mmCIF file of all heavy atoms, coordinates in Angstrom:
data_MODEL
# 
_entry.id   MODEL 
# 
loop_
_atom_site.group_PDB 
_atom_site.id 
_atom_site.type_symbol 
_atom_site.label_atom_id 
_atom_site.label_alt_id 
_atom_site.label_comp_id 
_atom_site.label_asym_id 
_atom_site.label_entity_id 
_atom_site.label_seq_id 
_atom_site.pdbx_PDB_ins_code 
_atom_site.Cartn_x 
_atom_site.Cartn_y 
_atom_site.Cartn_z 
_atom_site.occupancy 
_atom_site.B_iso_or_equiv 
_atom_site.pdbx_formal_charge 
_atom_site.auth_seq_id 
_atom_site.auth_comp_id 
_atom_site.auth_asym_id 
_atom_site.auth_atom_id 
_atom_site.pdbx_PDB_model_num 
ATOM 1   N N   . LEU A 1 1  ? 0.100   24.976 -41.140 1.00 0.00 ? 1  LEU A N   1 
ATOM 2   C CA  . LEU A 1 1  ? 0.111   25.441 -42.504 1.00 0.00 ? 1  LEU A CA  1 
ATOM 3   C C   . LEU A 1 1  ? -1.349  25.617 -43.077 1.00 0.00 ? 1  LEU A C   1 
ATOM 4   O O   . LEU A 1 1  ? -1.453  25.995 -44.252 1.00 0.00 ? 1  LEU A O   1 
ATOM 5   C CB  . LEU A 1 1  ? 0.873   24.404 -43.460 1.00 0.00 ? 1  LEU A CB  1 
ATOM 6   C CG  . LEU A 1 1  ? 2.385   24.288 -43.131 1.00 0.00 ? 1  LEU A CG  1 
ATOM 7   C CD1 . LEU A 1 1  ? 2.910   23.079 -44.018 1.00 0.00 ? 1  LEU A CD1 1 
ATOM 8   C CD2 . LEU A 1 1  ? 3.052   25.569 -43.288 1.00 0.00 ? 1  LEU A CD2 1 
ATOM 9   N N   . ARG A 1 2  ? -2.263  25.241 -42.234 1.00 0.00 ? 2  ARG A N   1 
ATOM 10  C CA  . ARG A 1 2  ? -3.747  25.267 -42.713 1.00 0.00 ? 2  ARG A CA  1 
ATOM 11  C C   . ARG A 1 2  ? -3.975  24.352 -43.919 1.00 0.00 ? 2  ARG A C   1 
ATOM 12  O O   . ARG A 1 2  ? -4.664  24.715 -44.816 1.00 0.00 ? 2  ARG A O   1 
ATOM 13  C CB  . ARG A 1 2  ? -4.177  26.722 -42.968 1.00 0.00 ? 2  ARG A CB  1 
ATOM 14  C CG  . ARG A 1 2  ? -4.215  27.558 -41.686 1.00 0.00 ? 2  ARG A CG  1 
ATOM 15  C CD  . ARG A 1 2  ? -4.766  29.006 -41.984 1.00 0.00 ? 2  ARG A CD  1 
ATOM 16  N NE  . ARG A 1 2  ? -4.935  29.765 -40.887 1.00 0.00 ? 2  ARG A NE  1 
ATOM 17  C CZ  . ARG A 1 2  ? -3.982  30.423 -40.181 1.00 0.00 ? 2  ARG A CZ  1 
ATOM 18  N NH1 . ARG A 1 2  ? -2.782  30.422 -40.687 1.00 0.00 ? 2  ARG A NH1 1 
ATOM 19  N NH2 . ARG A 1 2  ? -4.196  31.157 -39.113 1.00 0.00 ? 2  ARG A NH2 1 
ATOM 20  N N   . LYS A 1 3  ? -3.388  23.178 -43.737 1.00 0.00 ? 3  LYS A N   1 
ATOM 21  C CA  . LYS A 1 3  ? -3.499  22.164 -44.823 1.00 0.00 ? 3  LYS A CA  1 
ATOM 22  C C   . LYS A 1 3  ? -4.255  20.996 -44.300 1.00 0.00 ? 3  LYS A C   1 
ATOM 23  O O   . LYS A 1 3  ? -4.250  20.679 -43.089 1.00 0.00 ? 3  LYS A O   1 
ATOM 24  C CB  . LYS A 1 3  ? -2.126  21.709 -45.302 1.00 0.00 ? 3  LYS A CB  1 
ATOM 25  C CG  . LYS A 1 3  ? -1.283  22.800 -45.899 1.00 0.00 ? 3  LYS A CG  1 
ATOM 26  C CD  . LYS A 1 3  ? -1.704  23.105 -47.334 1.00 0.00 ? 3  LYS A CD  1 
ATOM 27  C CE  . LYS A 1 3  ? -0.690  23.983 -48.056 1.00 0.00 ? 3  LYS A CE  1 
ATOM 28  N NZ  . LYS A 1 3  ? -1.077  24.353 -49.450 1.00 0.00 ? 3  LYS A NZ  1 
ATOM 29  N N   . PRO A 1 4  ? -4.970  20.228 -45.131 1.00 0.00 ? 4  PRO A N   1 
ATOM 30  C CA  . PRO A 1 4  ? -5.691  19.049 -44.653 1.00 0.00 ? 4  PRO A CA  1 
ATOM 31  C C   . PRO A 1 4  ? -4.681  17.931 -44.247 1.00 0.00 ? 4  PRO A C   1 
ATOM 32  O O   . PRO A 1 4  ? -3.478  17.982 -44.744 1.00 0.00 ? 4  PRO A O   1 
ATOM 33  C CB  . PRO A 1 4  ? -6.414  18.614 -45.981 1.00 0.00 ? 4  PRO A CB  1 
ATOM 34  C CG  . PRO A 1 4  ? -5.757  19.191 -47.086 1.00 0.00 ? 4  PRO A CG  1 
ATOM 35  C CD  . PRO A 1 4  ? -5.241  20.524 -46.654 1.00 0.00 ? 4  PRO A CD  1 
ATOM 36  N N   . SER A 1 5  ? -5.009  17.033 -43.420 1.00 0.00 ? 5  SER A N   1 
ATOM 37  C CA  . SER A 1 5  ? -4.158  16.025 -42.914 1.00 0.00 ? 5  SER A CA  1 
ATOM 38  C C   . SER A 1 5  ? -3.706  15.077 -44.129 1.00 0.00 ? 5  SER A C   1 
ATOM 39  O O   . SER A 1 5  ? -4.423  14.727 -44.980 1.00 0.00 ? 5  SER A O   1 
ATOM 40  C CB  . SER A 1 5  ? -4.953  15.135 -41.964 1.00 0.00 ? 5  SER A CB  1 
ATOM 41  O OG  . SER A 1 5  ? -4.190  13.967 -41.642 1.00 0.00 ? 5  SER A OG  1 
ATOM 42  N N   . LEU A 1 6  ? -2.392  14.833 -44.135 1.00 0.00 ? 6  LEU A N   1 
ATOM 43  C CA  . LEU A 1 6  ? -1.855  13.922 -45.150 1.00 0.00 ? 6  LEU A CA  1 
ATOM 44  C C   . LEU A 1 6  ? -2.329  12.555 -44.987 1.00 0.00 ? 6  LEU A C   1 
ATOM 45  O O   . LEU A 1 6  ? -2.368  11.721 -45.848 1.00 0.00 ? 6  LEU A O   1 
ATOM 46  C CB  . LEU A 1 6  ? -0.381  14.031 -45.161 1.00 0.00 ? 6  LEU A CB  1 
ATOM 47  C CG  . LEU A 1 6  ? 0.265   15.328 -45.605 1.00 0.00 ? 6  LEU A CG  1 
ATOM 48  C CD1 . LEU A 1 6  ? 1.796   15.299 -45.457 1.00 0.00 ? 6  LEU A CD1 1 
ATOM 49  C CD2 . LEU A 1 6  ? -0.084  15.589 -47.073 1.00 0.00 ? 6  LEU A CD2 1 
ATOM 50  N N   . LEU A 1 7  ? -2.741  12.190 -43.737 1.00 0.00 ? 7  LEU A N   1 
ATOM 51  C CA  . LEU A 1 7  ? -3.167  10.793 -43.458 1.00 0.00 ? 7  LEU A CA  1 
ATOM 52  C C   . LEU A 1 7  ? -4.454  10.428 -44.182 1.00 0.00 ? 7  LEU A C   1 
ATOM 53  O O   . LEU A 1 7  ? -4.711  9.173  -44.322 1.00 0.00 ? 7  LEU A O   1 
ATOM 54  C CB  . LEU A 1 7  ? -3.430  10.617 -41.947 1.00 0.00 ? 7  LEU A CB  1 
ATOM 55  C CG  . LEU A 1 7  ? -2.158  10.703 -41.115 1.00 0.00 ? 7  LEU A CG  1 
ATOM 56  C CD1 . LEU A 1 7  ? -2.454  10.588 -39.652 1.00 0.00 ? 7  LEU A CD1 1 
ATOM 57  C CD2 . LEU A 1 7  ? -1.063  9.591  -41.446 1.00 0.00 ? 7  LEU A CD2 1 
ATOM 58  N N   . GLU A 1 8  ? -5.216  11.329 -44.658 1.00 0.00 ? 8  GLU A N   1 
ATOM 59  C CA  . GLU A 1 8  ? -6.463  11.059 -45.402 1.00 0.00 ? 8  GLU A CA  1 
ATOM 60  C C   . GLU A 1 8  ? -6.133  10.286 -46.635 1.00 0.00 ? 8  GLU A C   1 
ATOM 61  O O   . GLU A 1 8  ? -6.938  9.514  -47.151 1.00 0.00 ? 8  GLU A O   1 
ATOM 62  C CB  . GLU A 1 8  ? -7.182  12.332 -45.754 1.00 0.00 ? 8  GLU A CB  1 
ATOM 63  C CG  . GLU A 1 8  ? -7.738  13.083 -44.556 1.00 0.00 ? 8  GLU A CG  1 
ATOM 64  C CD  . GLU A 1 8  ? -8.639  12.255 -43.698 1.00 0.00 ? 8  GLU A CD  1 
ATOM 65  O OE1 . GLU A 1 8  ? -9.448  11.402 -44.313 1.00 0.00 ? 8  GLU A OE1 1 
ATOM 66  O OE2 . GLU A 1 8  ? -8.654  12.336 -42.496 1.00 0.00 ? 8  GLU A OE2 1 
ATOM 67  N N   . ALA A 1 9  ? -4.975  10.393 -47.209 1.00 0.00 ? 9  ALA A N   1 
ATOM 68  C CA  . ALA A 1 9  ? -4.633  9.691  -48.443 1.00 0.00 ? 9  ALA A CA  1 
ATOM 69  C C   . ALA A 1 9  ? -3.908  8.340  -48.181 1.00 0.00 ? 9  ALA A C   1 
ATOM 70  O O   . ALA A 1 9  ? -3.656  7.586  -49.088 1.00 0.00 ? 9  ALA A O   1 
ATOM 71  C CB  . ALA A 1 9  ? -3.602  10.516 -49.288 1.00 0.00 ? 9  ALA A CB  1 
ATOM 72  N N   . PHE A 1 10 ? -3.790  8.068  -46.896 1.00 0.00 ? 10 PHE A N   1 
ATOM 73  C CA  . PHE A 1 10 ? -3.104  6.780  -46.476 1.00 0.00 ? 10 PHE A CA  1 
ATOM 74  C C   . PHE A 1 10 ? -3.960  6.052  -45.404 1.00 0.00 ? 10 PHE A C   1 
ATOM 75  O O   . PHE A 1 10 ? -3.652  6.201  -44.181 1.00 0.00 ? 10 PHE A O   1 
ATOM 76  C CB  . PHE A 1 10 ? -1.695  7.069  -45.924 1.00 0.00 ? 10 PHE A CB  1 
ATOM 77  C CG  . PHE A 1 10 ? -0.808  7.798  -46.998 1.00 0.00 ? 10 PHE A CG  1 
ATOM 78  C CD1 . PHE A 1 10 ? -0.679  9.190  -46.902 1.00 0.00 ? 10 PHE A CD1 1 
ATOM 79  C CD2 . PHE A 1 10 ? -0.206  7.160  -48.039 1.00 0.00 ? 10 PHE A CD2 1 
ATOM 80  C CE1 . PHE A 1 10 ? 0.102   9.831  -47.836 1.00 0.00 ? 10 PHE A CE1 1 
ATOM 81  C CE2 . PHE A 1 10 ? 0.560   7.745  -48.965 1.00 0.00 ? 10 PHE A CE2 1 
ATOM 82  C CZ  . PHE A 1 10 ? 0.775   9.155  -48.935 1.00 0.00 ? 10 PHE A CZ  1 
ATOM 83  N N   . PRO A 1 11 ? -4.940  5.255  -45.845 1.00 0.00 ? 11 PRO A N   1 
ATOM 84  C CA  . PRO A 1 11 ? -5.907  4.712  -44.801 1.00 0.00 ? 11 PRO A CA  1 
ATOM 85  C C   . PRO A 1 11 ? -5.236  3.823  -43.779 1.00 0.00 ? 11 PRO A C   1 
ATOM 86  O O   . PRO A 1 11 ? -5.716  3.780  -42.663 1.00 0.00 ? 11 PRO A O   1 
ATOM 87  C CB  . PRO A 1 11 ? -6.928  3.969  -45.696 1.00 0.00 ? 11 PRO A CB  1 
ATOM 88  C CG  . PRO A 1 11 ? -6.164  3.773  -47.093 1.00 0.00 ? 11 PRO A CG  1 
ATOM 89  C CD  . PRO A 1 11 ? -5.312  4.956  -47.250 1.00 0.00 ? 11 PRO A CD  1 
ATOM 90  N N   . LEU A 1 12 ? -4.298  2.976  -44.157 1.00 0.00 ? 12 LEU A N   1 
ATOM 91  C CA  . LEU A 1 12 ? -3.654  2.162  -43.193 1.00 0.00 ? 12 LEU A CA  1 
ATOM 92  C C   . LEU A 1 12 ? -2.824  2.946  -42.181 1.00 0.00 ? 12 LEU A C   1 
ATOM 93  O O   . LEU A 1 12 ? -2.886  2.677  -41.018 1.00 0.00 ? 12 LEU A O   1 
ATOM 94  C CB  . LEU A 1 12 ? -2.769  1.116  -43.866 1.00 0.00 ? 12 LEU A CB  1 
ATOM 95  C CG  . LEU A 1 12 ? -3.474  0.122  -44.789 1.00 0.00 ? 12 LEU A CG  1 
ATOM 96  C CD1 . LEU A 1 12 ? -2.483  -0.872 -45.433 1.00 0.00 ? 12 LEU A CD1 1 
ATOM 97  C CD2 . LEU A 1 12 ? -4.533  -0.660 -43.981 1.00 0.00 ? 12 LEU A CD2 1 
ATOM 98  N N   . LEU A 1 13 ? -2.185  3.911  -42.705 1.00 0.00 ? 13 LEU A N   1 
ATOM 99  C CA  . LEU A 1 13 ? -1.383  4.748  -41.770 1.00 0.00 ? 13 LEU A CA  1 
ATOM 100 C C   . LEU A 1 13 ? -2.346  5.588  -40.864 1.00 0.00 ? 13 LEU A C   1 
ATOM 101 O O   . LEU A 1 13 ? -1.990  5.840  -39.651 1.00 0.00 ? 13 LEU A O   1 
ATOM 102 C CB  . LEU A 1 13 ? -0.540  5.717  -42.565 1.00 0.00 ? 13 LEU A CB  1 
ATOM 103 C CG  . LEU A 1 13 ? 0.828   6.192  -42.008 1.00 0.00 ? 13 LEU A CG  1 
ATOM 104 C CD1 . LEU A 1 13 ? 1.668   4.986  -41.526 1.00 0.00 ? 13 LEU A CD1 1 
ATOM 105 C CD2 . LEU A 1 13 ? 1.569   6.973  -43.090 1.00 0.00 ? 13 LEU A CD2 1 
ATOM 106 N N   . LYS A 1 14 ? -3.424  6.052  -41.388 1.00 0.00 ? 14 LYS A N   1 
ATOM 107 C CA  . LYS A 1 14 ? -4.419  6.785  -40.544 1.00 0.00 ? 14 LYS A CA  1 
ATOM 108 C C   . LYS A 1 14 ? -4.986  5.891  -39.465 1.00 0.00 ? 14 LYS A C   1 
ATOM 109 O O   . LYS A 1 14 ? -5.072  6.356  -38.344 1.00 0.00 ? 14 LYS A O   1 
ATOM 110 C CB  . LYS A 1 14 ? -5.561  7.297  -41.480 1.00 0.00 ? 14 LYS A CB  1 
ATOM 111 C CG  . LYS A 1 14 ? -6.661  8.035  -40.709 1.00 0.00 ? 14 LYS A CG  1 
ATOM 112 C CD  . LYS A 1 14 ? -7.804  8.451  -41.659 1.00 0.00 ? 14 LYS A CD  1 
ATOM 113 C CE  . LYS A 1 14 ? -8.886  9.188  -40.853 1.00 0.00 ? 14 LYS A CE  1 
ATOM 114 N NZ  . LYS A 1 14 ? -10.005 9.625  -41.786 1.00 0.00 ? 14 LYS A NZ  1 
ATOM 115 N N   . ARG A 1 15 ? -5.293  4.632  -39.844 1.00 0.00 ? 15 ARG A N   1 
ATOM 116 C CA  . ARG A 1 15 ? -5.816  3.646  -38.809 1.00 0.00 ? 15 ARG A CA  1 
ATOM 117 C C   . ARG A 1 15 ? -4.706  3.414  -37.768 1.00 0.00 ? 15 ARG A C   1 
ATOM 118 O O   . ARG A 1 15 ? -5.001  3.308  -36.563 1.00 0.00 ? 15 ARG A O   1 
ATOM 119 C CB  . ARG A 1 15 ? -6.190  2.365  -39.542 1.00 0.00 ? 15 ARG A CB  1 
ATOM 120 C CG  . ARG A 1 15 ? -6.846  1.323  -38.600 1.00 0.00 ? 15 ARG A CG  1 
ATOM 121 C CD  . ARG A 1 15 ? -5.797  0.315  -38.067 1.00 0.00 ? 15 ARG A CD  1 
ATOM 122 N NE  . ARG A 1 15 ? -5.070  -0.266 -39.126 1.00 0.00 ? 15 ARG A NE  1 
ATOM 123 C CZ  . ARG A 1 15 ? -3.877  -0.834 -38.970 1.00 0.00 ? 15 ARG A CZ  1 
ATOM 124 N NH1 . ARG A 1 15 ? -3.298  -0.837 -37.761 1.00 0.00 ? 15 ARG A NH1 1 
ATOM 125 N NH2 . ARG A 1 15 ? -3.217  -1.312 -40.009 1.00 0.00 ? 15 ARG A NH2 1 
ATOM 126 N N   . TYR A 1 16 ? -3.506  3.260  -38.259 1.00 0.00 ? 16 TYR A N   1 
ATOM 127 C CA  . TYR A 1 16 ? -2.332  3.061  -37.370 1.00 0.00 ? 16 TYR A CA  1 
ATOM 128 C C   . TYR A 1 16 ? -2.119  4.117  -36.339 1.00 0.00 ? 16 TYR A C   1 
ATOM 129 O O   . TYR A 1 16 ? -1.963  3.881  -35.205 1.00 0.00 ? 16 TYR A O   1 
ATOM 130 C CB  . TYR A 1 16 ? -1.113  2.885  -38.254 1.00 0.00 ? 16 TYR A CB  1 
ATOM 131 C CG  . TYR A 1 16 ? 0.261   2.867  -37.563 1.00 0.00 ? 16 TYR A CG  1 
ATOM 132 C CD1 . TYR A 1 16 ? 0.909   1.651  -37.213 1.00 0.00 ? 16 TYR A CD1 1 
ATOM 133 C CD2 . TYR A 1 16 ? 0.889   4.099  -37.261 1.00 0.00 ? 16 TYR A CD2 1 
ATOM 134 C CE1 . TYR A 1 16 ? 2.139   1.739  -36.526 1.00 0.00 ? 16 TYR A CE1 1 
ATOM 135 C CE2 . TYR A 1 16 ? 2.092   4.141  -36.665 1.00 0.00 ? 16 TYR A CE2 1 
ATOM 136 C CZ  . TYR A 1 16 ? 2.717   2.961  -36.253 1.00 0.00 ? 16 TYR A CZ  1 
ATOM 137 O OH  . TYR A 1 16 ? 3.950   2.982  -35.698 1.00 0.00 ? 16 TYR A OH  1 
ATOM 138 N N   . TYR A 1 17 ? -2.255  5.322  -36.813 1.00 0.00 ? 17 TYR A N   1 
ATOM 139 C CA  . TYR A 1 17 ? -2.103  6.513  -35.983 1.00 0.00 ? 17 TYR A CA  1 
ATOM 140 C C   . TYR A 1 17 ? -3.154  6.511  -34.903 1.00 0.00 ? 17 TYR A C   1 
ATOM 141 O O   . TYR A 1 17 ? -2.846  6.827  -33.711 1.00 0.00 ? 17 TYR A O   1 
ATOM 142 C CB  . TYR A 1 17 ? -2.249  7.799  -36.861 1.00 0.00 ? 17 TYR A CB  1 
ATOM 143 C CG  . TYR A 1 17 ? -2.201  9.102  -36.118 1.00 0.00 ? 17 TYR A CG  1 
ATOM 144 C CD1 . TYR A 1 17 ? -1.001  9.673  -35.597 1.00 0.00 ? 17 TYR A CD1 1 
ATOM 145 C CD2 . TYR A 1 17 ? -3.342  9.860  -35.920 1.00 0.00 ? 17 TYR A CD2 1 
ATOM 146 C CE1 . TYR A 1 17 ? -1.001  10.896 -34.971 1.00 0.00 ? 17 TYR A CE1 1 
ATOM 147 C CE2 . TYR A 1 17 ? -3.356  11.029 -35.232 1.00 0.00 ? 17 TYR A CE2 1 
ATOM 148 C CZ  . TYR A 1 17 ? -2.197  11.545 -34.779 1.00 0.00 ? 17 TYR A CZ  1 
ATOM 149 O OH  . TYR A 1 17 ? -2.173  12.745 -34.107 1.00 0.00 ? 17 TYR A OH  1 
ATOM 150 N N   . ALA A 1 18 ? -4.367  6.240  -35.222 1.00 0.00 ? 18 ALA A N   1 
ATOM 151 C CA  . ALA A 1 18 ? -5.468  6.197  -34.295 1.00 0.00 ? 18 ALA A CA  1 
ATOM 152 C C   . ALA A 1 18 ? -5.378  5.031  -33.262 1.00 0.00 ? 18 ALA A C   1 
ATOM 153 O O   . ALA A 1 18 ? -5.635  5.229  -32.042 1.00 0.00 ? 18 ALA A O   1 
ATOM 154 C CB  . ALA A 1 18 ? -6.839  6.074  -35.041 1.00 0.00 ? 18 ALA A CB  1 
ATOM 155 N N   . ASP A 1 19 ? -4.941  3.859  -33.789 1.00 0.00 ? 19 ASP A N   1 
ATOM 156 C CA  . ASP A 1 19 ? -4.840  2.764  -32.858 1.00 0.00 ? 19 ASP A CA  1 
ATOM 157 C C   . ASP A 1 19 ? -3.725  2.982  -31.823 1.00 0.00 ? 19 ASP A C   1 
ATOM 158 O O   . ASP A 1 19 ? -3.889  2.632  -30.667 1.00 0.00 ? 19 ASP A O   1 
ATOM 159 C CB  . ASP A 1 19 ? -4.380  1.444  -33.693 1.00 0.00 ? 19 ASP A CB  1 
ATOM 160 C CG  . ASP A 1 19 ? -5.641  0.904  -34.402 1.00 0.00 ? 19 ASP A CG  1 
ATOM 161 O OD1 . ASP A 1 19 ? -6.766  1.376  -34.183 1.00 0.00 ? 19 ASP A OD1 1 
ATOM 162 O OD2 . ASP A 1 19 ? -5.383  0.050  -35.317 1.00 0.00 ? 19 ASP A OD2 1 
ATOM 163 N N   . PHE A 1 20 ? -2.644  3.552  -32.212 1.00 0.00 ? 20 PHE A N   1 
ATOM 164 C CA  . PHE A 1 20 ? -1.551  3.829  -31.294 1.00 0.00 ? 20 PHE A CA  1 
ATOM 165 C C   . PHE A 1 20 ? -2.020  4.887  -30.254 1.00 0.00 ? 20 PHE A C   1 
ATOM 166 O O   . PHE A 1 20 ? -1.768  4.747  -29.058 1.00 0.00 ? 20 PHE A O   1 
ATOM 167 C CB  . PHE A 1 20 ? -0.331  4.348  -32.066 1.00 0.00 ? 20 PHE A CB  1 
ATOM 168 C CG  . PHE A 1 20 ? 0.929   4.434  -31.140 1.00 0.00 ? 20 PHE A CG  1 
ATOM 169 C CD1 . PHE A 1 20 ? 1.868   3.460  -31.091 1.00 0.00 ? 20 PHE A CD1 1 
ATOM 170 C CD2 . PHE A 1 20 ? 1.147   5.624  -30.432 1.00 0.00 ? 20 PHE A CD2 1 
ATOM 171 C CE1 . PHE A 1 20 ? 2.992   3.535  -30.218 1.00 0.00 ? 20 PHE A CE1 1 
ATOM 172 C CE2 . PHE A 1 20 ? 2.279   5.713  -29.516 1.00 0.00 ? 20 PHE A CE2 1 
ATOM 173 C CZ  . PHE A 1 20 ? 3.247   4.687  -29.504 1.00 0.00 ? 20 PHE A CZ  1 
ATOM 174 N N   . LYS A 1 21 ? -2.602  5.866  -30.749 1.00 0.00 ? 21 LYS A N   1 
ATOM 175 C CA  . LYS A 1 21 ? -3.082  7.034  -29.797 1.00 0.00 ? 21 LYS A CA  1 
ATOM 176 C C   . LYS A 1 21 ? -4.151  6.497  -28.836 1.00 0.00 ? 21 LYS A C   1 
ATOM 177 O O   . LYS A 1 21 ? -4.264  7.046  -27.714 1.00 0.00 ? 21 LYS A O   1 
ATOM 178 C CB  . LYS A 1 21 ? -3.653  8.156  -30.618 1.00 0.00 ? 21 LYS A CB  1 
ATOM 179 C CG  . LYS A 1 21 ? -3.881  9.417  -29.768 1.00 0.00 ? 21 LYS A CG  1 
ATOM 180 C CD  . LYS A 1 21 ? -4.255  10.650 -30.649 1.00 0.00 ? 21 LYS A CD  1 
ATOM 181 C CE  . LYS A 1 21 ? -4.277  11.829 -29.788 1.00 0.00 ? 21 LYS A CE  1 
ATOM 182 N NZ  . LYS A 1 21 ? -4.651  13.070 -30.639 1.00 0.00 ? 21 LYS A NZ  1 
ATOM 183 N N   . ALA A 1 22 ? -4.842  5.393  -29.163 1.00 0.00 ? 22 ALA A N   1 
ATOM 184 C CA  . ALA A 1 22 ? -5.794  4.824  -28.208 1.00 0.00 ? 22 ALA A CA  1 
ATOM 185 C C   . ALA A 1 22 ? -5.282  3.933  -27.206 1.00 0.00 ? 22 ALA A C   1 
ATOM 186 O O   . ALA A 1 22 ? -6.015  3.283  -26.396 1.00 0.00 ? 22 ALA A O   1 
ATOM 187 C CB  . ALA A 1 22 ? -6.908  4.187  -28.992 1.00 0.00 ? 22 ALA A CB  1 
ATOM 188 N N   . LEU A 1 23 ? -3.955  3.567  -27.313 1.00 0.00 ? 23 LEU A N   1 
ATOM 189 C CA  . LEU A 1 23 ? -3.398  2.556  -26.327 1.00 0.00 ? 23 LEU A CA  1 
ATOM 190 C C   . LEU A 1 23 ? -3.630  3.060  -24.872 1.00 0.00 ? 23 LEU A C   1 
ATOM 191 O O   . LEU A 1 23 ? -3.298  4.160  -24.528 1.00 0.00 ? 23 LEU A O   1 
ATOM 192 C CB  . LEU A 1 23 ? -1.843  2.469  -26.581 1.00 0.00 ? 23 LEU A CB  1 
ATOM 193 C CG  . LEU A 1 23 ? -1.469  1.723  -27.891 1.00 0.00 ? 23 LEU A CG  1 
ATOM 194 C CD1 . LEU A 1 23 ? 0.044   1.925  -28.167 1.00 0.00 ? 23 LEU A CD1 1 
ATOM 195 C CD2 . LEU A 1 23 ? -1.788  0.238  -27.837 1.00 0.00 ? 23 LEU A CD2 1 
ATOM 196 N N   . PRO A 1 24 ? -4.185  2.172  -24.018 1.00 0.00 ? 24 PRO A N   1 
ATOM 197 C CA  . PRO A 1 24 ? -4.520  2.586  -22.704 1.00 0.00 ? 24 PRO A CA  1 
ATOM 198 C C   . PRO A 1 24 ? -3.281  2.944  -21.872 1.00 0.00 ? 24 PRO A C   1 
ATOM 199 O O   . PRO A 1 24 ? -3.372  3.770  -20.945 1.00 0.00 ? 24 PRO A O   1 
ATOM 200 C CB  . PRO A 1 24 ? -5.281  1.393  -22.119 1.00 0.00 ? 24 PRO A CB  1 
ATOM 201 C CG  . PRO A 1 24 ? -4.928  0.222  -23.039 1.00 0.00 ? 24 PRO A CG  1 
ATOM 202 C CD  . PRO A 1 24 ? -4.721  0.880  -24.374 1.00 0.00 ? 24 PRO A CD  1 
# 
């Protein structure tokens, strides 16, 4: 949709998303 990420408004959810994606 060429919209900014909604996670920018939710810092804990943004961190959560990154932590899960980094799981080895």
